[in-house]
Amino acid sequence: MEQHARARMNLPQPAYDSLASLREEMKSEVSKVVIGQEEAVELLLVAALARGHVLIEGPPGSAKTLLSRAMAHALGATFRRIQFTPDTSPDEITGTYVVKAGEPVFMQGAVFTNVLLADEVNRTPPRTQAALLEAMQERTVTVDGRTHQLPDPFLVIATQNPFEHEGIFPLPESQLDRFLFKINLEYCAADDEVEMLRLPHTGVTPDMLGEIRPLLGIVGLDKARQELDATVVPESVARYVVTLARRTRELDGVLLGASSRASIHLMSAAKANARLDGRDTATIDDVRAMAPFVVRHRLICEGPTADEVLQQAMASVPTPV
């Protein structure tokens, strides 16, 4: 606890005027090293405010890792990366006890950080993937019967390559349901790729990570989250969220619809989106804007795609007047 308190004092103070301005400032800072991924930056900021984790899926070389590092810098948070492989052990994630001078001493694993990049999470077996479950949901890890609190904030950004088909272990539904967002990262536009070539590089590595200005830090993120928690959610908006989630369970071709956790995640994301837009009340437009990133990775469909099911559900749920 004392260590965490010192970390709070040492991390930078907020460097933004309002949450409405924070969104643009965050995109500006991250664009020093990552060009053309503004939507992903916005969604990662929403996730940080909403205390949610993010799964990023995209082809090799689409800046998944670099984007994660840049966001950690801009948030003013500590960062760790773990490269998942078939022989990655759960202990590398959670930590383990070792004996020193005859006494058991806990050696922290990779999750003891503010932002954890779980790179290529689908390349490690289910036993190791499961080591993330408690950390993602409870913000704690239990090792040898002892529970250890993770730092606050704690954000997992996991990546996977959709083009890998050999030696992979798809994430189970229980783990997918713990991700607030799934972001499909595509290659950026041609003009953005040209602009990318103009960035300062040391060899093939972008050379501007150190130039990113921390905008939040622990103090700023706590303050922003308090604003988020105070966001007004009208009854009509809450009912729309529940009706939309329930509708995805009823449509033809759906084997598994959106869970109750999905409803909670969708409402939290809508509140964060409203705050970043300078409003203190969430609207149905906020819900509809966040729904594709919150819901589609939770759907299991036979016939229609998850996107088609979600579009059908949103079209069939009446919008209150």
Protein backbone atom coordinates (compact mmCIF):
# COMPACT_ATOMS: atom_id res chain seq x y z
CA MET A 1 0.00 0.00 0.00
CA GLU A 2 2.82 2.42 0.85
CA GLN A 3 4.51 1.61 -2.45
CA HIS A 4 1.31 2.43 -4.33
CA ALA A 5 0.91 5.68 -2.37
CA ARG A 6 4.44 6.75 -3.35
CA ALA A 7 3.65 5.91 -6.96
CA ARG A 8 0.64 8.19 -6.78
CA MET A 9 2.81 11.07 -5.58
CA ASN A 10 5.52 10.54 -8.18
CA LEU A 11 3.37 10.17 -11.28
CA PRO A 12 2.56 13.36 -13.23
CA GLN A 13 -0.33 15.60 -12.38
CA PRO A 14 -3.16 16.02 -14.90
CA ALA A 15 -2.09 18.00 -17.99
CA TYR A 16 -5.44 18.69 -19.63
CA ASP A 17 -8.17 21.31 -19.27
CA SER A 18 -11.24 19.06 -19.42
CA LEU A 19 -12.23 15.58 -20.51
CA ALA A 20 -13.65 17.15 -23.64
CA SER A 21 -10.18 18.43 -24.56
CA LEU A 22 -8.41 15.29 -23.36
CA ARG A 23 -9.61 13.22 -26.32
CA GLU A 24 -7.97 15.53 -28.87
CA GLU A 25 -4.82 16.00 -26.80
CA MET A 26 -4.45 12.22 -26.44
CA LYS A 27 -4.73 11.72 -30.21
CA SER A 28 -2.21 14.49 -30.76
CA GLU A 29 0.35 12.94 -28.39
CA VAL A 30 -0.03 9.39 -29.70
CA SER A 31 0.24 10.61 -33.31
CA LYS A 32 3.87 11.46 -32.58
CA VAL A 33 4.59 7.76 -33.10
CA VAL A 34 1.39 6.17 -34.47
CA ILE A 35 -0.31 7.73 -37.48
CA GLY A 36 -3.86 7.10 -38.69
CA GLN A 37 -5.30 5.17 -35.72
CA GLU A 38 -7.36 7.93 -34.09
CA GLU A 39 -10.41 5.74 -33.49
CA ALA A 40 -8.31 3.12 -31.68
CA VAL A 41 -6.75 5.86 -29.52
CA GLU A 42 -10.19 7.15 -28.56
CA LEU A 43 -11.40 3.65 -27.68
CA LEU A 44 -8.33 2.92 -25.57
CA LEU A 45 -8.93 6.17 -23.69
CA VAL A 46 -12.58 5.23 -23.13
CA ALA A 47 -11.42 1.85 -21.79
CA ALA A 48 -8.94 3.48 -19.40
CA LEU A 49 -11.67 5.73 -18.00
CA ALA A 50 -14.19 2.88 -17.79
CA ARG A 51 -11.72 0.51 -16.05
CA GLY A 52 -12.00 -1.93 -18.95
CA HIS A 53 -9.58 -4.14 -20.85
CA VAL A 54 -9.05 -4.17 -24.60
CA LEU A 55 -8.38 -6.89 -27.17
CA ILE A 56 -6.74 -5.58 -30.34
CA GLU A 57 -6.82 -7.78 -33.43
CA GLY A 58 -4.90 -6.88 -36.54
CA PRO A 59 -2.32 -8.04 -39.08
CA PRO A 60 1.42 -7.98 -38.35
CA GLY A 61 2.99 -4.54 -38.61
CA SER A 62 -0.23 -2.60 -37.94
CA ALA A 63 1.29 -0.91 -34.84
CA LYS A 64 -0.55 -2.90 -32.17
CA THR A 65 2.45 -2.99 -29.82
CA LEU A 66 3.59 0.55 -30.60
CA LEU A 67 0.09 1.91 -30.04
CA SER A 68 -0.05 0.22 -26.62
CA ARG A 69 3.30 1.67 -25.59
CA ALA A 70 2.32 5.14 -26.80
CA MET A 71 -0.97 5.03 -24.86
CA ALA A 72 0.85 4.00 -21.67
CA HIS A 73 3.20 6.98 -22.10
CA ALA A 74 0.31 9.38 -22.70
CA LEU A 75 -1.61 8.04 -19.71
CA GLY A 76 1.45 8.58 -17.53
CA ALA A 77 1.32 4.95 -16.42
CA THR A 78 3.82 2.18 -15.80
CA PHE A 79 4.02 -0.34 -18.64
CA ARG A 80 5.03 -3.97 -19.05
CA ARG A 81 4.91 -6.25 -22.07
CA ILE A 82 4.80 -10.03 -22.04
CA GLN A 83 5.25 -11.95 -25.29
CA PHE A 84 3.00 -14.98 -25.15
CA THR A 85 4.39 -18.22 -26.58
CA PRO A 86 3.34 -21.88 -26.26
CA ASP A 87 5.75 -22.32 -23.33
CA THR A 88 4.84 -19.15 -21.38
CA SER A 89 4.00 -20.24 -17.84
CA PRO A 90 1.27 -18.85 -15.54
CA ASP A 91 3.97 -17.88 -13.03
CA GLU A 92 5.40 -15.37 -15.52
CA ILE A 93 2.06 -13.58 -15.44
CA THR A 94 1.06 -13.76 -11.78
CA GLY A 95 4.37 -14.23 -9.98
CA THR A 96 5.78 -16.90 -7.70
CA TYR A 97 7.29 -17.43 -4.26
CA VAL A 98 11.00 -18.09 -3.88
CA VAL A 99 12.91 -18.87 -0.72
CA LYS A 100 15.47 -16.28 0.38
CA ALA A 101 17.32 -16.60 3.67
CA GLY A 102 14.90 -19.35 4.63
CA GLU A 103 11.81 -17.15 4.11
CA PRO A 104 9.30 -17.23 1.24
CA VAL A 105 9.49 -14.02 -0.82
CA PHE A 106 6.92 -13.15 -3.48
CA MET A 107 8.40 -12.27 -6.87
CA GLN A 108 5.87 -10.23 -8.81
CA GLY A 109 4.82 -11.31 -12.29
CA ALA A 110 4.10 -9.20 -15.34
CA VAL A 111 0.61 -8.14 -14.15
CA PHE A 112 2.06 -5.88 -11.47
CA THR A 113 1.92 -2.76 -13.60
CA ASN A 114 -0.61 -0.15 -14.71
CA VAL A 115 -0.73 -1.13 -18.40
CA LEU A 116 0.02 -4.73 -19.37
CA LEU A 117 0.51 -5.57 -23.03
CA ALA A 118 -0.33 -9.24 -23.49
CA ASP A 119 1.19 -9.68 -26.94
CA GLU A 120 -0.21 -12.47 -29.12
CA VAL A 121 -2.38 -13.76 -26.30
CA ASN A 122 -3.79 -16.53 -28.51
CA ARG A 123 -0.36 -18.17 -28.89
CA THR A 124 -0.30 -19.47 -25.32
CA PRO A 125 -2.25 -22.46 -23.93
CA PRO A 126 -5.54 -22.07 -22.00
CA ARG A 127 -3.86 -22.71 -18.63
CA THR A 128 -1.67 -19.65 -19.11
CA GLN A 129 -4.49 -17.57 -20.60
CA ALA A 130 -6.55 -18.39 -17.51
CA ALA A 131 -3.88 -16.83 -15.30
CA LEU A 132 -5.11 -13.47 -16.59
CA LEU A 133 -8.74 -14.12 -15.64
CA GLU A 134 -8.57 -13.24 -11.94
CA ALA A 135 -6.31 -10.27 -12.63
CA MET A 136 -8.68 -8.86 -15.27
CA GLN A 137 -11.84 -9.32 -13.23
CA GLU A 138 -10.78 -8.91 -9.60
CA ARG A 139 -7.62 -6.79 -9.96
CA THR A 140 -5.90 -9.34 -7.72
CA VAL A 141 -3.85 -12.51 -8.15
CA THR A 142 -3.77 -15.49 -5.82
CA VAL A 143 -0.52 -17.43 -5.55
CA ASP A 144 -0.10 -20.33 -3.10
CA GLY A 145 -3.31 -19.34 -1.38
CA ARG A 146 -2.26 -15.73 -0.80
CA THR A 147 -4.01 -12.84 -2.54
CA HIS A 148 -2.02 -9.89 -3.87
CA GLN A 149 -3.60 -6.58 -4.91
CA LEU A 150 -2.64 -5.22 -8.32
CA PRO A 151 -1.75 -1.55 -8.88
CA ASP A 152 -4.59 0.85 -9.63
CA PRO A 153 -5.16 1.61 -12.44
CA PHE A 154 -4.70 -1.77 -14.12
CA LEU A 155 -5.40 -2.11 -17.84
CA VAL A 156 -4.76 -5.17 -20.03
CA ILE A 157 -4.24 -4.56 -23.74
CA ALA A 158 -4.10 -7.95 -25.43
CA THR A 159 -3.24 -8.45 -29.09
CA GLN A 160 -3.78 -11.24 -31.54
CA ASN A 161 -3.13 -11.84 -35.22
CA PRO A 162 -6.25 -13.04 -37.11
CA PHE A 163 -4.08 -14.56 -39.85
CA GLU A 164 -2.32 -17.03 -37.54
CA HIS A 165 -3.85 -20.49 -37.81
CA GLU A 166 -1.05 -22.81 -36.64
CA GLY A 167 -0.11 -23.20 -33.00
CA ILE A 168 -2.81 -20.91 -31.65
CA PHE A 169 -5.29 -21.31 -28.81
CA PRO A 170 -8.45 -19.22 -29.38
CA LEU A 171 -9.62 -17.34 -26.31
CA PRO A 172 -12.61 -19.00 -24.59
CA GLU A 173 -15.88 -17.13 -24.32
CA SER A 174 -15.38 -16.60 -20.57
CA GLN A 175 -12.19 -14.66 -21.26
CA LEU A 176 -13.53 -12.75 -24.25
CA ASP A 177 -16.41 -11.58 -22.06
CA ARG A 178 -13.92 -9.86 -19.75
CA PHE A 179 -12.69 -7.52 -22.46
CA LEU A 180 -14.60 -4.25 -22.60
CA PHE A 181 -13.66 -3.73 -26.25
CA LYS A 182 -12.40 -5.68 -29.19
CA ILE A 183 -10.75 -3.34 -31.71
CA ASN A 184 -10.08 -4.52 -35.23
CA LEU A 185 -6.96 -2.63 -36.26
CA GLU A 186 -6.49 -2.18 -40.01
CA TYR A 187 -3.64 -0.75 -42.02
CA CYS A 188 -3.91 3.02 -42.19
CA ALA A 189 -4.61 5.05 -45.36
CA ALA A 190 -1.90 5.64 -47.99
CA ASP A 191 -1.39 9.30 -47.00
CA ASP A 192 -0.98 8.25 -43.37
CA GLU A 193 1.62 5.66 -44.37
CA VAL A 194 3.56 8.36 -46.21
CA GLU A 195 3.36 10.57 -43.11
CA MET A 196 4.59 7.62 -41.05
CA LEU A 197 7.76 7.49 -43.14
CA ARG A 198 8.47 11.11 -42.20
CA LEU A 199 8.53 10.37 -38.46
CA PRO A 200 12.00 10.38 -36.85
CA HIS A 201 13.39 6.84 -36.67
CA THR A 202 16.42 5.17 -35.15
CA GLY A 203 16.94 2.54 -37.82
CA VAL A 204 13.54 0.89 -38.19
CA THR A 205 12.30 1.97 -34.74
CA PRO A 206 10.24 5.16 -34.18
CA ASP A 207 12.28 7.58 -32.09
CA MET A 208 9.55 9.73 -30.52
CA LEU A 209 8.13 7.67 -27.63
CA GLY A 210 10.09 9.78 -25.17
CA GLU A 211 8.53 12.93 -26.64
CA ILE A 212 4.99 11.89 -25.70
CA ARG A 213 3.68 14.13 -22.93
CA PRO A 214 1.96 12.33 -20.02
CA LEU A 215 -1.56 13.74 -19.83
CA LEU A 216 -3.12 11.95 -16.87
CA GLY A 217 -1.04 9.98 -14.39
CA ILE A 218 -2.68 8.32 -11.39
CA VAL A 219 -4.12 11.59 -10.06
CA GLY A 220 -5.64 12.59 -13.37
CA LEU A 221 -7.07 9.17 -14.08
CA ASP A 222 -8.67 9.01 -10.62
CA LYS A 223 -10.23 12.44 -11.21
CA ALA A 224 -11.49 11.46 -14.66
CA ARG A 225 -13.00 8.25 -13.33
CA GLN A 226 -14.84 10.17 -10.63
CA GLU A 227 -16.38 12.34 -13.34
CA LEU A 228 -17.34 9.20 -15.23
CA ASP A 229 -19.00 7.68 -12.15
CA ALA A 230 -21.06 10.88 -11.75
CA THR A 231 -22.43 10.69 -15.30
CA VAL A 232 -26.23 10.71 -15.46
CA VAL A 233 -27.90 7.69 -17.08
CA PRO A 234 -31.58 8.32 -17.88
CA GLU A 235 -33.98 5.44 -17.34
CA SER A 236 -34.70 5.28 -21.07
CA VAL A 237 -30.99 4.82 -21.86
CA ALA A 238 -30.54 2.09 -19.25
CA ARG A 239 -33.56 0.23 -20.60
CA TYR A 240 -32.26 0.59 -24.15
CA VAL A 241 -28.96 -1.05 -23.13
CA VAL A 242 -30.73 -4.01 -21.53
CA THR A 243 -33.22 -4.40 -24.38
CA LEU A 244 -30.42 -4.35 -26.96
CA ALA A 245 -28.40 -6.99 -25.10
CA ARG A 246 -31.43 -9.22 -24.64
CA ARG A 247 -32.38 -8.83 -28.30
CA THR A 248 -29.04 -10.29 -29.39
CA ARG A 249 -29.94 -13.49 -27.51
CA GLU A 250 -33.25 -13.90 -29.35
CA LEU A 251 -32.30 -13.52 -33.02
CA ASP A 252 -32.11 -16.45 -35.40
CA GLY A 253 -28.66 -17.92 -35.82
CA VAL A 254 -27.38 -16.72 -32.44
CA LEU A 255 -25.94 -19.45 -30.25
CA LEU A 256 -24.67 -17.07 -27.56
CA GLY A 257 -25.82 -13.48 -27.17
CA ALA A 258 -24.58 -10.55 -25.11
CA SER A 259 -24.21 -11.31 -21.40
CA SER A 260 -25.31 -9.25 -18.43
CA ARG A 261 -21.65 -8.23 -18.07
CA ALA A 262 -21.85 -6.94 -21.64
CA SER A 263 -24.71 -4.64 -20.60
CA ILE A 264 -22.63 -3.25 -17.72
CA HIS A 265 -19.63 -2.76 -20.01
CA LEU A 266 -21.75 -1.08 -22.67
CA MET A 267 -23.22 1.37 -20.17
CA SER A 268 -19.78 2.22 -18.77
CA ALA A 269 -18.38 2.80 -22.26
CA ALA A 270 -21.35 5.01 -23.16
CA LYS A 271 -20.79 7.12 -20.03
CA ALA A 272 -17.09 7.54 -20.85
CA ASN A 273 -17.91 8.47 -24.43
CA ALA A 274 -20.36 11.11 -23.21
CA ARG A 275 -17.77 12.63 -20.84
CA LEU A 276 -15.12 12.78 -23.55
CA ASP A 277 -17.68 14.58 -25.69
CA GLY A 278 -18.13 17.21 -22.97
CA ARG A 279 -21.49 15.99 -21.66
CA ASP A 280 -22.55 14.80 -18.19
CA THR A 281 -25.48 12.68 -19.44
CA ALA A 282 -25.20 9.49 -21.48
CA THR A 283 -27.48 9.14 -24.50
CA ILE A 284 -28.68 6.34 -26.75
CA ASP A 285 -26.32 7.68 -29.42
CA ASP A 286 -23.43 6.98 -27.04
CA VAL A 287 -24.71 3.43 -26.58
CA ARG A 288 -25.02 2.85 -30.32
CA ALA A 289 -21.55 4.29 -30.96
CA MET A 290 -19.93 1.93 -28.44
CA ALA A 291 -22.04 -1.17 -29.13
CA PRO A 292 -19.98 -2.62 -32.02
CA PHE A 293 -16.79 -2.61 -29.97
CA VAL A 294 -18.45 -3.94 -26.79
CA VAL A 295 -20.86 -6.54 -28.16
CA ARG A 296 -19.67 -8.24 -31.32
CA HIS A 297 -16.77 -10.22 -29.82
CA ARG A 298 -19.19 -11.71 -27.29
CA LEU A 299 -21.58 -13.16 -29.91
CA ILE A 300 -21.40 -16.72 -31.22
CA CYS A 301 -23.42 -17.04 -34.40
CA GLU A 302 -24.27 -19.81 -36.81
CA GLY A 303 -25.00 -18.33 -40.23
CA PRO A 304 -25.04 -14.55 -39.80
CA THR A 305 -21.92 -12.68 -38.73
CA ALA A 306 -21.70 -10.95 -35.37
CA ASP A 307 -21.83 -7.56 -37.12
CA GLU A 308 -25.00 -8.58 -38.97
CA VAL A 309 -26.63 -9.75 -35.74
CA LEU A 310 -25.74 -6.52 -33.95
CA GLN A 311 -27.05 -4.37 -36.80
CA GLN A 312 -30.26 -6.37 -36.85
CA ALA A 313 -30.63 -6.03 -33.09
CA MET A 314 -30.09 -2.23 -33.16
CA ALA A 315 -32.53 -1.88 -36.05
CA SER A 316 -35.21 -3.87 -34.23
CA VAL A 317 -34.95 -2.11 -30.84
CA PRO A 318 -37.08 1.05 -30.91
CA THR A 319 -35.42 4.27 -29.89
CA PRO A 320 -37.43 6.05 -27.16
CA VAL A 321 -38.78 9.43 -28.20
